């Protein structure tokens, strides 16, 4: 990914919003139909895809720094990315629970 923790965290948040939006859309179109037998397979596939994408967004560039011998830069980028992601998540939760969204 990038060396900018803000871009990494916002990309991760955007991915989550996209997945949730798609899941909500699918749930609305299904109405009150029972879950199909393949729903667990879809859930596990989405979980695996999400873990891979989040791993790439959070760990790829810090791992590159670590391989290049830049341990301090690796730790700083990872911690900053997690901190920005936590801030974005906290702001989103506050907006949701306050009724703004």
N, C-alpha and C. Protein backbone atom coordinates (compact mmCIF):
# COMPACT_ATOMS: atom_id res chain seq x y z
N UNK A 1 0.85 -1.17 0.00
CA UNK A 1 0.00 0.00 0.00
C UNK A 1 0.89 1.23 0.00
N UNK A 2 0.44 2.29 0.59
CA UNK A 2 1.22 3.52 0.59
C UNK A 2 1.99 3.66 1.89
N UNK A 3 2.81 4.68 1.95
CA UNK A 3 3.54 4.99 3.17
C UNK A 3 2.78 6.02 4.00
N UNK A 4 1.56 6.34 3.59
CA UNK A 4 0.73 7.31 4.28
C UNK A 4 -0.31 6.58 5.13
N UNK A 5 -0.20 6.65 6.46
CA UNK A 5 -1.14 5.91 7.30
C UNK A 5 -2.59 6.38 7.15
N UNK A 6 -2.78 7.63 6.81
CA UNK A 6 -4.14 8.15 6.64
C UNK A 6 -4.80 7.50 5.43
N UNK A 7 -4.07 7.42 4.33
CA UNK A 7 -4.60 6.77 3.13
C UNK A 7 -4.90 5.30 3.40
N UNK A 8 -4.00 4.61 4.08
CA UNK A 8 -4.20 3.19 4.40
C UNK A 8 -5.45 2.99 5.25
N UNK A 9 -5.60 3.80 6.29
CA UNK A 9 -6.74 3.65 7.20
C UNK A 9 -8.05 4.01 6.51
N UNK A 10 -8.06 5.06 5.73
CA UNK A 10 -9.29 5.45 5.04
C UNK A 10 -9.66 4.42 3.97
N UNK A 11 -8.67 3.84 3.32
CA UNK A 11 -8.94 2.77 2.36
C UNK A 11 -9.57 1.57 3.06
N UNK A 12 -9.05 1.21 4.22
CA UNK A 12 -9.61 0.10 4.98
C UNK A 12 -11.05 0.41 5.39
N UNK A 13 -11.31 1.62 5.87
CA UNK A 13 -12.66 2.01 6.26
C UNK A 13 -13.60 2.01 5.05
N UNK A 14 -13.11 2.47 3.93
CA UNK A 14 -13.92 2.49 2.71
C UNK A 14 -14.27 1.07 2.27
N UNK A 15 -13.32 0.16 2.38
CA UNK A 15 -13.59 -1.23 2.04
C UNK A 15 -14.68 -1.80 2.94
N UNK A 16 -14.60 -1.51 4.22
CA UNK A 16 -15.61 -2.01 5.15
C UNK A 16 -16.98 -1.44 4.80
N UNK A 17 -17.04 -0.13 4.50
CA UNK A 17 -18.32 0.48 4.13
C UNK A 17 -18.88 -0.15 2.85
N UNK A 18 -18.02 -0.43 1.89
CA UNK A 18 -18.45 -1.06 0.65
C UNK A 18 -19.04 -2.45 0.91
N UNK A 19 -18.35 -3.25 1.71
CA UNK A 19 -18.83 -4.60 2.00
C UNK A 19 -20.16 -4.55 2.75
N UNK A 20 -20.27 -3.67 3.72
CA UNK A 20 -21.52 -3.55 4.49
C UNK A 20 -22.66 -3.07 3.59
N UNK A 21 -22.38 -2.13 2.72
CA UNK A 21 -23.42 -1.64 1.81
C UNK A 21 -23.91 -2.75 0.88
N UNK A 22 -22.99 -3.51 0.34
CA UNK A 22 -23.38 -4.62 -0.53
C UNK A 22 -24.18 -5.66 0.24
N UNK A 23 -23.73 -5.98 1.45
CA UNK A 23 -24.47 -6.96 2.26
C UNK A 23 -25.87 -6.46 2.61
N UNK A 24 -26.00 -5.19 2.95
CA UNK A 24 -27.32 -4.62 3.23
C UNK A 24 -28.22 -4.66 2.01
N UNK A 25 -27.66 -4.33 0.85
CA UNK A 25 -28.44 -4.37 -0.38
C UNK A 25 -28.94 -5.79 -0.65
N UNK A 26 -28.05 -6.76 -0.49
CA UNK A 26 -28.45 -8.15 -0.72
C UNK A 26 -29.53 -8.57 0.26
N UNK A 27 -29.38 -8.19 1.52
CA UNK A 27 -30.38 -8.54 2.54
C UNK A 27 -31.74 -7.92 2.22
N UNK A 28 -31.74 -6.67 1.72
CA UNK A 28 -33.01 -6.03 1.37
C UNK A 28 -33.68 -6.73 0.20
N UNK A 29 -32.92 -7.19 -0.76
CA UNK A 29 -33.52 -7.86 -1.92
C UNK A 29 -34.03 -9.24 -1.58
N UNK A 30 -33.51 -9.85 -0.52
CA UNK A 30 -33.93 -11.20 -0.14
C UNK A 30 -35.21 -11.22 0.67
N UNK A 31 -35.55 -10.07 1.26
CA UNK A 31 -36.78 -10.00 2.05
C UNK A 31 -36.75 -10.96 3.22
N UNK A 32 -37.80 -11.73 3.36
CA UNK A 32 -37.90 -12.65 4.49
C UNK A 32 -37.59 -14.08 4.09
N UNK A 33 -36.87 -14.26 2.99
CA UNK A 33 -36.49 -15.60 2.56
C UNK A 33 -35.51 -16.19 3.57
N UNK A 34 -35.60 -17.49 3.81
CA UNK A 34 -34.62 -18.11 4.72
C UNK A 34 -33.23 -18.11 4.09
N UNK A 35 -32.23 -18.15 4.94
CA UNK A 35 -30.85 -18.19 4.45
C UNK A 35 -30.63 -19.47 3.66
N UNK A 36 -30.01 -19.35 2.50
CA UNK A 36 -29.72 -20.56 1.72
C UNK A 36 -28.62 -21.38 2.39
N UNK A 37 -28.51 -22.61 1.98
CA UNK A 37 -27.51 -23.53 2.57
C UNK A 37 -26.09 -23.06 2.31
N UNK A 38 -25.87 -22.29 1.26
CA UNK A 38 -24.52 -21.85 0.93
C UNK A 38 -24.15 -20.53 1.62
N UNK A 39 -25.00 -20.00 2.47
CA UNK A 39 -24.70 -18.75 3.18
C UNK A 39 -23.42 -18.86 4.02
N UNK A 40 -23.20 -19.94 4.76
CA UNK A 40 -21.94 -20.04 5.52
C UNK A 40 -20.70 -20.04 4.62
N UNK A 41 -20.82 -20.63 3.43
CA UNK A 41 -19.70 -20.63 2.50
C UNK A 41 -19.39 -19.21 2.04
N UNK A 42 -20.42 -18.44 1.76
CA UNK A 42 -20.23 -17.05 1.35
C UNK A 42 -19.63 -16.25 2.50
N UNK A 43 -20.11 -16.48 3.72
CA UNK A 43 -19.59 -15.77 4.90
C UNK A 43 -18.10 -16.05 5.09
N UNK A 44 -17.71 -17.30 5.03
CA UNK A 44 -16.30 -17.66 5.24
C UNK A 44 -15.43 -17.12 4.10
N UNK A 45 -15.96 -17.14 2.88
CA UNK A 45 -15.22 -16.58 1.74
C UNK A 45 -15.01 -15.08 1.92
N UNK A 46 -16.05 -14.36 2.34
CA UNK A 46 -15.93 -12.91 2.57
C UNK A 46 -14.97 -12.63 3.71
N UNK A 47 -15.01 -13.44 4.76
CA UNK A 47 -14.10 -13.27 5.88
C UNK A 47 -12.65 -13.44 5.42
N UNK A 48 -12.39 -14.48 4.63
CA UNK A 48 -11.04 -14.74 4.14
C UNK A 48 -10.56 -13.61 3.24
N UNK A 49 -11.42 -13.14 2.34
CA UNK A 49 -11.08 -12.03 1.47
C UNK A 49 -10.79 -10.77 2.28
N UNK A 50 -11.61 -10.50 3.27
CA UNK A 50 -11.43 -9.31 4.09
C UNK A 50 -10.14 -9.37 4.90
N UNK A 51 -9.82 -10.52 5.44
CA UNK A 51 -8.56 -10.67 6.18
C UNK A 51 -7.37 -10.43 5.26
N UNK A 52 -7.44 -10.95 4.05
CA UNK A 52 -6.35 -10.75 3.10
C UNK A 52 -6.20 -9.27 2.73
N UNK A 53 -7.31 -8.60 2.47
CA UNK A 53 -7.26 -7.18 2.10
C UNK A 53 -6.77 -6.34 3.27
N UNK A 54 -7.28 -6.58 4.46
CA UNK A 54 -6.84 -5.81 5.63
C UNK A 54 -5.38 -6.09 5.94
N UNK A 55 -4.95 -7.33 5.78
CA UNK A 55 -3.54 -7.66 5.98
C UNK A 55 -2.66 -6.88 5.02
N UNK A 56 -3.10 -6.79 3.78
CA UNK A 56 -2.34 -6.02 2.80
C UNK A 56 -2.31 -4.54 3.18
N UNK A 57 -3.44 -3.99 3.54
CA UNK A 57 -3.52 -2.56 3.86
C UNK A 57 -2.71 -2.19 5.11
N UNK A 58 -2.71 -3.06 6.11
CA UNK A 58 -2.06 -2.73 7.38
C UNK A 58 -0.62 -3.22 7.47
N UNK A 59 -0.27 -4.34 6.82
CA UNK A 59 1.02 -4.97 7.05
C UNK A 59 2.01 -4.95 5.90
N UNK A 60 1.56 -4.75 4.66
CA UNK A 60 2.46 -4.89 3.52
C UNK A 60 3.61 -3.89 3.57
N UNK A 61 3.30 -2.62 3.66
CA UNK A 61 4.36 -1.60 3.64
C UNK A 61 5.25 -1.69 4.89
N UNK A 62 4.67 -1.86 6.11
CA UNK A 62 5.56 -2.05 7.27
C UNK A 62 6.47 -3.28 7.12
N UNK A 63 5.96 -4.34 6.52
CA UNK A 63 6.79 -5.52 6.30
C UNK A 63 7.92 -5.21 5.32
N UNK A 64 7.63 -4.41 4.29
CA UNK A 64 8.67 -4.00 3.36
C UNK A 64 9.75 -3.20 4.08
N UNK A 65 9.33 -2.29 4.95
CA UNK A 65 10.30 -1.53 5.74
C UNK A 65 11.14 -2.46 6.61
N UNK A 66 10.48 -3.42 7.25
CA UNK A 66 11.19 -4.35 8.13
C UNK A 66 12.22 -5.17 7.35
N UNK A 67 11.83 -5.64 6.17
CA UNK A 67 12.75 -6.41 5.33
C UNK A 67 13.94 -5.56 4.91
N UNK A 68 13.69 -4.27 4.67
CA UNK A 68 14.76 -3.35 4.28
C UNK A 68 15.61 -2.89 5.47
N UNK A 69 15.31 -3.40 6.67
CA UNK A 69 16.09 -3.04 7.84
C UNK A 69 15.66 -1.74 8.50
N UNK A 70 14.50 -1.25 8.16
CA UNK A 70 13.98 0.00 8.72
C UNK A 70 12.92 -0.31 9.77
N UNK A 71 13.38 -0.87 10.89
CA UNK A 71 12.47 -1.33 11.93
C UNK A 71 11.64 -0.18 12.51
N UNK A 72 12.28 0.94 12.80
CA UNK A 72 11.57 2.07 13.40
C UNK A 72 10.46 2.59 12.47
N UNK A 73 10.77 2.72 11.17
CA UNK A 73 9.77 3.18 10.21
C UNK A 73 8.62 2.18 10.10
N UNK A 74 8.94 0.88 10.16
CA UNK A 74 7.92 -0.16 10.08
C UNK A 74 6.95 -0.05 11.26
N UNK A 75 7.49 0.08 12.45
CA UNK A 75 6.65 0.19 13.65
C UNK A 75 5.83 1.47 13.62
N UNK A 76 6.48 2.58 13.25
CA UNK A 76 5.76 3.86 13.21
C UNK A 76 4.60 3.83 12.22
N UNK A 77 4.83 3.30 11.01
CA UNK A 77 3.77 3.26 10.01
C UNK A 77 2.62 2.38 10.47
N UNK A 78 2.94 1.21 11.03
CA UNK A 78 1.88 0.32 11.50
C UNK A 78 1.07 0.96 12.62
N UNK A 79 1.75 1.52 13.61
CA UNK A 79 1.05 2.13 14.75
C UNK A 79 0.23 3.34 14.30
N UNK A 80 0.77 4.15 13.42
CA UNK A 80 0.02 5.30 12.92
C UNK A 80 -1.20 4.87 12.12
N UNK A 81 -1.06 3.85 11.29
CA UNK A 81 -2.20 3.35 10.52
C UNK A 81 -3.29 2.84 11.44
N UNK A 82 -2.91 2.07 12.44
CA UNK A 82 -3.90 1.55 13.40
C UNK A 82 -4.55 2.70 14.17
N UNK A 83 -3.78 3.69 14.56
CA UNK A 83 -4.32 4.84 15.31
C UNK A 83 -5.33 5.62 14.46
N UNK A 84 -4.98 5.87 13.20
CA UNK A 84 -5.91 6.60 12.32
C UNK A 84 -7.16 5.76 12.09
N UNK A 85 -7.00 4.45 11.88
CA UNK A 85 -8.16 3.58 11.69
C UNK A 85 -9.04 3.58 12.94
N UNK A 86 -8.42 3.55 14.11
CA UNK A 86 -9.20 3.60 15.36
C UNK A 86 -9.95 4.92 15.48
N UNK A 87 -9.31 6.01 15.10
CA UNK A 87 -9.98 7.32 15.15
C UNK A 87 -11.16 7.38 14.18
N UNK A 88 -10.95 6.89 12.97
CA UNK A 88 -12.04 6.88 11.99
C UNK A 88 -13.20 6.00 12.50
N UNK A 89 -12.86 4.85 13.07
CA UNK A 89 -13.89 3.95 13.61
C UNK A 89 -14.64 4.59 14.77
N UNK A 90 -13.91 5.27 15.64
CA UNK A 90 -14.54 5.94 16.78
C UNK A 90 -15.47 7.05 16.32
N UNK A 91 -15.02 7.84 15.37
CA UNK A 91 -15.86 8.92 14.84
C UNK A 91 -17.13 8.34 14.20
N UNK A 92 -16.97 7.28 13.42
CA UNK A 92 -18.13 6.65 12.78
C UNK A 92 -19.09 6.11 13.83
N UNK A 93 -18.57 5.48 14.87
CA UNK A 93 -19.43 4.96 15.93
C UNK A 93 -20.17 6.07 16.66
N UNK A 94 -19.48 7.17 16.93
CA UNK A 94 -20.12 8.31 17.61
C UNK A 94 -21.23 8.89 16.73
N UNK A 95 -20.97 9.02 15.44
CA UNK A 95 -22.00 9.55 14.54
C UNK A 95 -23.21 8.64 14.44
N UNK A 96 -22.95 7.34 14.42
CA UNK A 96 -24.05 6.37 14.33
C UNK A 96 -24.88 6.38 15.61
N UNK A 97 -24.19 6.31 16.78
CA UNK A 97 -24.93 6.23 18.05
C UNK A 97 -25.57 7.55 18.44
N UNK A 98 -25.08 8.65 17.91
CA UNK A 98 -25.72 9.94 18.21
C UNK A 98 -26.91 10.21 17.30
N UNK A 99 -27.09 9.36 16.28
CA UNK A 99 -28.23 9.50 15.40
C UNK A 99 -27.97 10.39 14.19
N UNK A 100 -26.76 10.87 14.04
CA UNK A 100 -26.44 11.72 12.89
C UNK A 100 -26.52 10.91 11.59
N UNK A 101 -26.04 9.67 11.66
CA UNK A 101 -26.09 8.79 10.48
C UNK A 101 -27.17 7.76 10.69
